[in-house]
Amino acid sequence: MRHLKWGLLLCAILMSGCSIFAKKTGQEPMELESFKATAKLKEVWSRGVGNGQGVGLTQLTPVIDGEKIYTVDHEGIVTALNNKSGKKLWSKKVTKNFTGLTGSVVYAFKEKDLNPGITGGIGYADGHLYIGNYAGELIALSATDGKEMWRKQLKGEISSVPQSNGQVVAVQTMNGKLFVVDAKTGEDKWFFENPPPVLTLRGSAAPLVTDNAIYAGFANGRLMAFNPANGLILWEQRMASPKGRSELDRMVDIHASPLLKDGILFVGTYQGRIAAAARGTGASVWGIDGSTSENLSASDDKLFVSQSDGKVTALSLTSGEQIWQNDKLLRRRLGGPQVFGDYVAVVDYKGYMHVLNQSNGEFAARDRVDRSGVRAPMLTDGKILYVYGNGGDLMAFTAVAKK
C-alpha cells in the first residue's frame, strides 16, 4: 500500500476496536473528564447540506466569502448559504464527465452509485468556486448560481482544496504534483512535480496562493514558494528531516496547509517540527519539535496546534515558546483547532467539540455536534464558528462567558 491514511490513523482505529475484546493497553483514547463549564455554547443555526463526507477520509472543507458560505458533499452537491442565518441561497449537483473513459458521455448522476467522488474540497476567489475529484477533474462554478464555467482534467487524484488568487488556481494531487491553471479559463499555466516518498499520509496540504507567491508543502517535508505566473521557484526550505530506520518512522509530511500571518508562514509537519519562516525568503524564524497533520490556527499572539498525540498546544507567534498545553484529550484523534471570540475549539473522532480558553487552555464548554465525527477543518468569521459534520449538517456556534 503506497499511502498510509493519516499516518497511524488506521492503527489507532484497529487498536480502539480491539480494546472491546481485549485488555486495555494504555493506548486507547483518553476518557473525557467532567469539568465546570465557564462558557455557554450556543447553536446559532444548523442546516443539512447534502450527504457529508462519505465513508472515505475526505476533508471537504467549506469556504466563506463575505456573508456567504459554500459547501460541497462527497456526491457533488454544492450549496450556498447566508452565513449569518443559515438560509439556503441555492444548491447545485455537479455532474461527472467520463470523457476519455467511456467516450464523450456526460452523466447527470441520478443513480446513488454514480457520483463525482469529490475529494478536493471547495475553494473561492473572485466570484468563482473550485472543486476537485478523485478522477483528477478540476471544476470551476459560478458562485452566483453554481453554473459550471469550465472543467480541466489533471493527471492525478485531487487531494487538496483548490486555491486561487483570482488569476490562477493551484491544486495538489496525490502523486506529488502541483498544478496551476488560469482561473478564468482552466488553461494550463505550469506544473511542478515532487515525487512522494514510499509512505505518505493520505491527502495533501492545500497550497497557499497570494498575488505574489504560491506556497506549497510536500510529503518529503519541504516547503516551497513559486512565482504564480510562471512557476519559477522563489525559494525552498526543508521544514523537517526524516529520522529512523523504517519508512513509517521517516514520514515527515506537510499535511497541514501553510498559515500566513503578519508576513510569517507557520507550518506543521508530521513527526517533525512546528516552524515559522519568513514569507519572502523562507528563512527560519523559529522551530520546535512537534507532530501534526491538521491545520494550524492563530490569534493575535498565539499559534494553536493539535498535536498528533492529542495534546492541544498554544505557542508564542514570535518565538515558538510554549504558553500552555492541554493533555486531557490524548489519542482522541483531534481535528485542527479554530479560534473564535475568546476561545479555541477542537473536535475529536467521536464528534465532541471541546471549547478551550485561549488564555490558559482550560476547558470552557463541550458539546457533541455530530455522532459521525467531524473531519473537515472548522471555519470562523471571528465570532461565529462553523462546523461541517461528517453526516452532512453545517452548524454555526457562538460562545460567551457565563456570568
Protein backbone atom coordinates (compact mmCIF):
# COMPACT_ATOMS: atom_id res chain seq x y z
CA MET A 1 0.00 0.00 0.00
CA ARG A 2 1.63 3.22 -1.15
CA HIS A 3 -0.17 5.64 1.10
CA LEU A 4 -0.90 5.48 4.82
CA LYS A 5 -4.24 7.06 5.61
CA TRP A 6 -3.44 9.84 8.06
CA GLY A 7 -0.36 8.02 9.18
CA LEU A 8 -1.22 5.98 12.26
CA LEU A 9 -4.96 6.63 11.98
CA LEU A 10 -5.76 3.12 10.76
CA CYS A 11 -3.64 1.61 13.52
CA ALA A 12 -5.43 3.74 16.09
CA ILE A 13 -8.84 2.65 14.79
CA LEU A 14 -7.84 -1.00 14.92
CA MET A 15 -6.43 -0.69 18.41
CA SER A 16 -9.51 1.08 19.73
CA GLY A 17 -11.74 -1.55 18.15
CA CYS A 18 -9.76 -4.47 19.52
CA SER A 19 -9.83 -3.00 23.02
CA ILE A 20 -13.50 -4.00 23.25
CA PHE A 21 -12.45 -7.63 23.31
CA ALA A 22 -9.04 -7.40 24.97
CA LYS A 23 -7.38 -5.88 27.97
CA LYS A 24 -6.59 -2.20 27.79
CA THR A 25 -3.11 -1.40 26.58
CA GLY A 26 -2.85 2.21 27.65
CA GLN A 27 -3.09 3.35 24.04
CA GLU A 28 -6.87 3.79 24.00
CA PRO A 29 -8.40 7.24 23.55
CA MET A 30 -8.46 9.06 26.89
CA GLU A 31 -11.81 9.10 28.63
CA LEU A 32 -13.42 12.51 28.86
CA GLU A 33 -13.32 14.16 32.27
CA SER A 34 -16.10 16.33 33.64
CA PHE A 35 -15.41 20.00 34.31
CA LYS A 36 -17.23 23.14 35.35
CA ALA A 37 -18.28 25.00 32.22
CA THR A 38 -17.29 28.65 32.19
CA ALA A 39 -18.75 29.44 28.76
CA LYS A 40 -22.14 28.99 27.18
CA LEU A 41 -22.05 27.36 23.75
CA LYS A 42 -25.00 28.42 21.58
CA GLU A 43 -26.04 26.91 18.26
CA VAL A 44 -26.98 29.86 16.06
CA TRP A 45 -28.30 27.70 13.24
CA SER A 46 -27.96 24.26 11.64
CA ARG A 47 -28.66 23.20 8.07
CA GLY A 48 -28.43 19.92 6.16
CA VAL A 49 -26.25 20.49 3.08
CA GLY A 50 -26.09 17.06 1.44
CA ASN A 51 -24.64 13.71 2.39
CA GLY A 52 -21.49 14.85 4.10
CA GLN A 53 -18.02 13.37 3.87
CA GLY A 54 -18.88 9.81 2.83
CA VAL A 55 -17.05 6.71 4.02
CA GLY A 56 -13.52 7.70 2.98
CA LEU A 57 -11.11 10.07 4.66
CA THR A 58 -12.05 13.21 2.76
CA GLN A 59 -11.94 16.61 4.45
CA LEU A 60 -14.38 18.58 2.30
CA THR A 61 -13.91 21.98 3.84
CA PRO A 62 -16.48 24.79 3.33
CA VAL A 63 -15.36 28.27 2.30
CA ILE A 64 -16.58 31.71 3.41
CA ASP A 65 -16.90 34.83 1.27
CA GLY A 66 -18.46 37.87 2.93
CA GLU A 67 -21.88 36.83 4.21
CA LYS A 68 -21.97 33.62 2.18
CA ILE A 69 -20.66 30.18 3.00
CA TYR A 70 -20.33 27.41 0.41
CA THR A 71 -20.18 23.66 0.97
CA VAL A 72 -19.77 20.54 -1.15
CA ASP A 73 -20.53 16.94 -0.19
CA HIS A 74 -18.83 13.79 -1.46
CA GLU A 75 -21.57 13.25 -4.06
CA GLY A 76 -21.09 16.69 -5.60
CA ILE A 77 -23.93 18.66 -4.03
CA VAL A 78 -22.74 22.28 -3.83
CA THR A 79 -24.74 24.55 -1.51
CA ALA A 80 -24.60 28.30 -0.87
CA LEU A 81 -25.99 29.72 2.37
CA ASN A 82 -26.15 33.01 4.21
CA ASN A 83 -23.60 32.52 6.97
CA LYS A 84 -25.50 34.68 9.47
CA SER A 85 -28.88 32.98 9.21
CA GLY A 86 -28.19 29.64 7.53
CA LYS A 87 -30.73 30.44 4.82
CA LYS A 88 -30.11 28.35 1.71
CA LEU A 89 -29.45 30.56 -1.32
CA TRP A 90 -29.01 27.84 -3.94
CA SER A 91 -27.95 24.24 -4.37
CA LYS A 92 -26.47 22.53 -7.42
CA LYS A 93 -25.35 18.97 -8.13
CA VAL A 94 -22.12 18.65 -10.06
CA THR A 95 -22.01 16.10 -12.85
CA LYS A 96 -19.05 13.95 -13.78
CA ASN A 97 -17.54 13.85 -17.25
CA PHE A 98 -16.39 10.42 -18.39
CA THR A 99 -14.53 11.81 -21.41
CA GLY A 100 -11.57 9.57 -22.11
CA LEU A 101 -13.04 6.72 -20.07
CA THR A 102 -16.27 5.88 -21.90
CA GLY A 103 -16.16 8.10 -24.95
CA SER A 104 -17.59 11.58 -24.53
CA VAL A 105 -20.65 10.81 -22.45
CA VAL A 106 -21.73 13.15 -19.66
CA TYR A 107 -23.84 11.61 -16.92
CA ALA A 108 -26.05 13.66 -14.59
CA PHE A 109 -25.61 11.50 -11.51
CA LYS A 110 -29.08 10.42 -10.51
CA GLU A 111 -28.05 6.90 -9.54
CA LYS A 112 -26.74 6.59 -6.00
CA ASP A 113 -23.63 4.69 -7.09
CA LEU A 114 -22.77 7.19 -9.82
CA ASN A 115 -21.28 10.21 -8.10
CA PRO A 116 -18.43 12.59 -8.85
CA GLY A 117 -16.36 11.38 -5.87
CA ILE A 118 -15.48 14.87 -4.67
CA THR A 119 -12.20 14.75 -2.75
CA GLY A 120 -10.65 18.18 -3.01
CA GLY A 121 -13.00 20.38 -1.01
CA ILE A 122 -14.16 23.76 -2.24
CA GLY A 123 -12.24 26.98 -2.83
CA TYR A 124 -13.39 30.51 -3.70
CA ALA A 125 -11.96 33.56 -5.44
CA ASP A 126 -13.34 36.45 -7.48
CA GLY A 127 -16.86 35.08 -7.94
CA HIS A 128 -15.79 31.51 -8.76
CA LEU A 129 -15.92 28.25 -6.80
CA TYR A 130 -13.38 25.49 -7.43
CA ILE A 131 -13.74 21.79 -6.56
CA GLY A 132 -11.77 18.66 -7.43
CA ASN A 133 -12.49 14.94 -7.54
CA TYR A 134 -10.75 11.58 -7.31
CA ALA A 135 -10.58 11.31 -11.12
CA GLY A 136 -8.46 14.46 -11.30
CA GLU A 137 -11.11 16.84 -12.61
CA LEU A 138 -10.80 20.46 -11.52
CA ILE A 139 -14.16 22.18 -11.92
CA ALA A 140 -14.99 25.90 -11.79
CA LEU A 141 -18.51 27.06 -10.92
CA SER A 142 -20.18 30.44 -10.72
CA ALA A 143 -20.57 31.46 -7.08
CA THR A 144 -23.80 33.22 -8.05
CA ASP A 145 -25.81 30.16 -9.03
CA GLY A 146 -23.47 27.12 -9.30
CA LYS A 147 -23.36 27.12 -13.09
CA GLU A 148 -20.33 25.27 -14.45
CA MET A 149 -17.82 27.64 -16.02
CA TRP A 150 -15.09 25.22 -17.08
CA ARG A 151 -13.61 21.82 -16.33
CA LYS A 152 -10.00 20.67 -16.51
CA GLN A 153 -8.64 17.12 -16.48
CA LEU A 154 -5.44 16.80 -14.45
CA LYS A 155 -3.14 13.80 -14.08
CA GLY A 156 -3.72 12.62 -10.55
CA GLU A 157 -6.34 12.44 -7.80
CA ILE A 158 -7.01 15.93 -6.46
CA SER A 159 -6.48 15.60 -2.74
CA SER A 160 -6.32 19.24 -1.63
CA VAL A 161 -8.68 22.19 -1.63
CA PRO A 162 -8.13 24.20 -4.84
CA GLN A 163 -6.89 27.68 -4.00
CA SER A 164 -6.92 30.83 -6.15
CA ASN A 165 -5.90 34.48 -6.14
CA GLY A 166 -8.39 35.30 -8.90
CA GLN A 167 -5.73 34.98 -11.61
CA VAL A 168 -4.61 31.37 -11.23
CA VAL A 169 -5.87 28.24 -9.46
CA ALA A 170 -3.41 25.93 -7.70
CA VAL A 171 -4.12 22.38 -6.62
CA GLN A 172 -2.04 19.47 -5.37
CA THR A 173 -2.57 15.84 -6.30
CA MET A 174 -1.83 12.56 -4.55
CA ASN A 175 1.09 11.80 -6.87
CA GLY A 176 3.08 14.78 -5.60
CA LYS A 177 2.27 17.28 -8.35
CA LEU A 178 1.31 20.93 -8.05
CA PHE A 179 -0.85 22.08 -10.97
CA VAL A 180 -1.54 25.73 -11.74
CA VAL A 181 -4.16 26.78 -14.32
CA ASP A 182 -5.77 30.02 -15.47
CA ALA A 183 -8.61 30.94 -13.10
CA LYS A 184 -10.92 32.21 -15.83
CA THR A 185 -10.43 29.54 -18.48
CA GLY A 186 -8.79 26.49 -16.88
CA GLU A 187 -5.96 26.59 -19.41
CA ASP A 188 -2.61 25.15 -18.32
CA LYS A 189 -0.11 27.58 -16.84
CA TRP A 190 2.56 25.30 -15.34
CA PHE A 191 3.09 22.35 -13.02
CA PHE A 192 5.74 21.15 -10.60
CA GLU A 193 6.44 17.55 -9.66
CA ASN A 194 7.86 16.48 -6.31
CA PRO A 195 7.79 12.65 -6.21
CA PRO A 196 6.45 11.49 -2.84
CA PRO A 197 8.27 9.08 -0.51
CA VAL A 198 7.30 5.42 -0.32
CA LEU A 199 4.88 6.09 2.54
CA THR A 200 2.85 9.27 2.92
CA LEU A 201 -0.20 10.50 4.77
CA ARG A 202 -3.46 10.28 2.87
CA GLY A 203 -4.23 13.61 1.18
CA SER A 204 -2.22 16.75 0.51
CA ALA A 205 -1.87 20.17 2.05
CA ALA A 206 -3.81 22.86 0.22
CA PRO A 207 -1.38 25.39 -1.28
CA LEU A 208 -1.48 28.98 -0.07
CA VAL A 209 -2.00 31.33 -3.00
CA THR A 210 -1.30 35.07 -2.82
CA ASP A 211 -0.79 37.70 -5.53
CA ASN A 212 2.98 37.32 -5.36
CA ALA A 213 3.61 33.70 -4.45
CA ILE A 214 2.22 30.18 -4.20
CA TYR A 215 3.39 28.38 -1.06
CA ALA A 216 3.16 24.59 -1.17
CA GLY A 217 4.18 21.90 1.30
CA PHE A 218 5.12 18.40 0.17
CA ALA A 219 5.27 14.90 1.63
CA ASN A 220 9.08 15.00 1.89
CA GLY A 221 8.91 17.83 4.44
CA ARG A 222 9.82 20.62 2.00
CA LEU A 223 8.06 23.97 1.80
CA MET A 224 8.43 25.79 -1.50
CA ALA A 225 7.46 29.21 -2.87
CA PHE A 226 6.70 29.70 -6.58
CA ASN A 227 6.02 32.64 -8.87
CA PRO A 228 2.27 32.26 -9.66
CA ALA A 229 2.66 33.43 -13.27
CA ASN A 230 5.43 31.10 -14.48
CA GLY A 231 6.28 28.57 -11.77
CA LEU A 232 9.75 29.96 -11.09
CA ILE A 233 10.96 28.64 -7.73
CA LEU A 234 11.43 31.62 -5.41
CA TRP A 235 12.81 29.59 -2.52
CA GLU A 236 12.58 26.23 -0.80
CA GLN A 237 13.21 25.10 2.75
CA ARG A 238 13.24 21.72 4.42
CA MET A 239 10.91 22.09 7.41
CA ALA A 240 11.63 18.60 8.80
CA SER A 241 14.17 15.84 8.08
CA PRO A 242 13.29 12.12 8.09
CA LYS A 243 14.57 10.17 11.09
CA GLY A 244 14.56 6.48 11.96
CA ARG A 245 15.16 3.27 10.07
CA SER A 246 11.70 2.31 8.85
CA GLU A 247 9.71 4.13 6.19
CA LEU A 248 6.98 4.63 8.79
CA ASP A 249 9.38 6.36 11.16
CA ARG A 250 10.73 8.55 8.35
CA MET A 251 7.39 10.11 7.39
CA VAL A 252 7.59 13.91 7.69
CA ASP A 253 4.65 15.03 5.54
CA ILE A 254 3.50 18.62 5.42
CA HIS A 255 -0.18 17.71 5.57
CA ALA A 256 -1.36 20.94 7.18
CA SER A 257 -1.80 23.93 4.89
CA PRO A 258 0.69 26.78 5.43
CA LEU A 259 -0.71 29.60 7.56
CA LEU A 260 0.29 33.20 6.76
CA LYS A 261 0.07 35.88 9.46
CA ASP A 262 1.86 39.22 9.68
CA GLY A 263 4.33 38.28 6.96
CA ILE A 264 5.32 34.99 8.62
CA LEU A 265 4.49 31.47 7.37
CA PHE A 266 3.61 28.88 10.01
CA VAL A 267 3.94 25.23 9.06
CA GLY A 268 3.38 21.94 10.84
CA THR A 269 4.85 18.58 9.82
CA TYR A 270 4.04 15.04 10.82
CA GLN A 271 6.73 13.53 13.07
CA GLY A 272 8.90 16.59 12.52
CA ARG A 273 8.60 20.20 13.56
CA ILE A 274 6.27 23.12 14.04
CA ALA A 275 8.04 26.07 12.46
CA ALA A 276 7.82 29.70 11.37
CA ALA A 277 9.53 31.07 8.24
CA ALA A 278 9.81 34.46 6.55
CA ARG A 279 7.44 34.61 3.59
CA GLY A 280 9.89 36.43 1.34
CA THR A 281 12.94 34.19 1.73
CA GLY A 282 11.86 31.10 3.64
CA ALA A 283 14.46 31.90 6.31
CA SER A 284 13.75 30.26 9.64
CA VAL A 285 12.21 32.44 12.34
CA TRP A 286 11.84 29.63 14.86
CA GLY A 287 11.16 25.90 15.03
CA ILE A 288 10.34 23.34 17.70
CA ASP A 289 9.92 19.56 17.69
CA GLY A 290 6.30 18.56 17.15
CA SER A 291 3.94 16.47 15.06
CA THR A 292 0.66 17.40 13.43
CA SER A 293 -1.31 16.57 10.31
CA GLU A 294 -4.01 19.18 10.95
CA ASN A 295 -4.29 22.85 10.01
CA LEU A 296 -2.96 25.43 12.44
CA SER A 297 -4.83 28.43 13.82
CA ALA A 298 -3.69 31.76 15.26
CA SER A 299 -4.89 34.63 17.42
CA ASP A 300 -3.13 37.98 17.74
CA ASP A 301 -0.24 36.49 19.71
CA LYS A 302 -0.65 32.71 19.84
CA LEU A 303 -0.35 29.77 17.45
CA PHE A 304 -2.61 26.82 18.23
CA VAL A 305 -1.69 23.24 17.30
CA SER A 306 -3.49 19.89 17.58
CA GLN A 307 -0.59 17.52 18.10
CA SER A 308 -0.78 14.01 16.64
CA ASP A 309 -0.90 12.51 20.15
CA GLY A 310 -3.96 14.59 21.12
CA LYS A 311 -2.29 17.41 23.01
CA VAL A 312 -3.57 20.90 22.23
CA THR A 313 -0.74 23.41 22.41
CA ALA A 314 -0.53 27.20 22.36
CA LEU A 315 2.78 28.66 21.20
CA SER A 316 4.07 32.21 21.03
CA LEU A 317 3.77 33.51 17.46
CA THR A 318 7.05 35.38 17.76
CA SER A 319 9.28 32.81 19.48
CA GLY A 320 7.58 29.40 19.39
CA GLU A 321 7.77 29.22 23.19
CA GLN A 322 5.04 27.05 24.70
CA ILE A 323 2.44 29.13 26.53
CA TRP A 324 0.17 26.30 27.62
CA GLN A 325 -0.70 22.71 26.76
CA ASN A 326 -3.87 20.71 27.35
CA ASP A 327 -3.19 16.97 27.63
CA LYS A 328 -6.70 15.82 28.57
CA LEU A 329 -7.59 14.64 25.03
CA LEU A 330 -4.79 12.20 24.34
CA ARG A 331 -5.30 9.78 21.42
CA ARG A 332 -8.76 11.19 20.63
CA ARG A 333 -7.69 11.97 17.04
CA LEU A 334 -8.34 15.68 17.08
CA GLY A 335 -9.04 17.89 14.11
CA GLY A 336 -7.30 21.21 13.70
CA PRO A 337 -8.01 23.98 16.23
CA GLN A 338 -10.02 27.05 15.32
CA VAL A 339 -10.12 30.41 17.09
CA PHE A 340 -13.42 32.22 17.66
CA GLY A 341 -14.02 35.02 20.12
CA ASP A 342 -12.03 34.41 23.30
CA TYR A 343 -11.91 30.67 22.70
CA VAL A 344 -10.28 27.97 20.62
CA ALA A 345 -12.17 24.80 19.64
CA VAL A 346 -11.18 21.29 18.58
CA VAL A 347 -13.36 18.33 17.60
CA ASP A 348 -12.46 14.71 18.36
CA TYR A 349 -13.17 11.45 16.50
CA LYS A 350 -16.43 10.93 18.40
CA GLY A 351 -17.81 14.28 17.30
CA TYR A 352 -17.33 16.06 20.64
CA MET A 353 -16.40 19.71 20.27
CA HIS A 354 -14.14 20.93 23.07
CA VAL A 355 -14.00 24.68 23.67
CA LEU A 356 -10.88 25.92 25.48
CA ASN A 357 -9.96 29.30 26.89
CA GLN A 358 -7.35 30.96 24.71
CA SER A 359 -5.59 32.36 27.75
CA ASN A 360 -4.84 29.15 29.65
CA GLY A 361 -6.10 26.13 27.67
CA GLU A 362 -8.66 25.12 30.30
CA PHE A 363 -11.94 23.58 29.14
CA ALA A 364 -14.73 26.16 28.93
CA ALA A 365 -17.52 24.19 27.20
CA ARG A 366 -18.23 20.92 25.40
CA ASP A 367 -20.94 19.64 23.08
CA ARG A 368 -21.36 16.62 20.82
CA VAL A 369 -22.01 18.12 17.40
CA ASP A 370 -22.08 15.03 15.15
CA ARG A 371 -22.02 11.37 16.19
CA SER A 372 -20.39 10.57 12.84
CA GLY A 373 -17.49 12.86 13.71
CA VAL A 374 -16.05 15.95 12.05
CA ARG A 375 -13.18 15.62 9.57
CA ALA A 376 -13.44 18.97 7.76
CA PRO A 377 -11.46 21.84 9.29
CA MET A 378 -13.72 24.30 11.11
CA LEU A 379 -14.12 27.87 9.86
CA THR A 380 -14.75 31.18 11.61
CA ASP A 381 -15.57 34.78 10.78
CA GLY A 382 -14.02 35.79 14.08
CA LYS A 383 -17.11 35.46 16.25
CA ILE A 384 -19.10 32.57 14.77
CA LEU A 385 -17.65 29.05 14.48
CA TYR A 386 -18.79 26.94 11.52
CA VAL A 387 -18.65 23.15 11.84
CA TYR A 388 -19.35 20.78 8.92
CA GLY A 389 -20.23 17.37 10.35
CA ASN A 390 -19.43 14.13 8.53
CA GLY A 391 -23.16 13.39 8.40
CA GLY A 392 -23.90 16.45 6.25
CA ASP A 393 -25.02 19.15 8.69
CA LEU A 394 -23.40 22.57 8.67
CA MET A 395 -23.67 24.23 12.08
CA ALA A 396 -22.89 27.71 13.40
CA PHE A 397 -21.94 28.32 17.05
CA THR A 398 -21.06 31.18 19.35
CA ALA A 399 -19.58 31.02 22.84
CA VAL A 400 -19.89 33.61 25.60
CA ALA A 401 -18.60 33.60 29.16
CA LYS A 402 -21.07 32.55 31.81
CA LYS A 403 -21.97 35.24 34.31
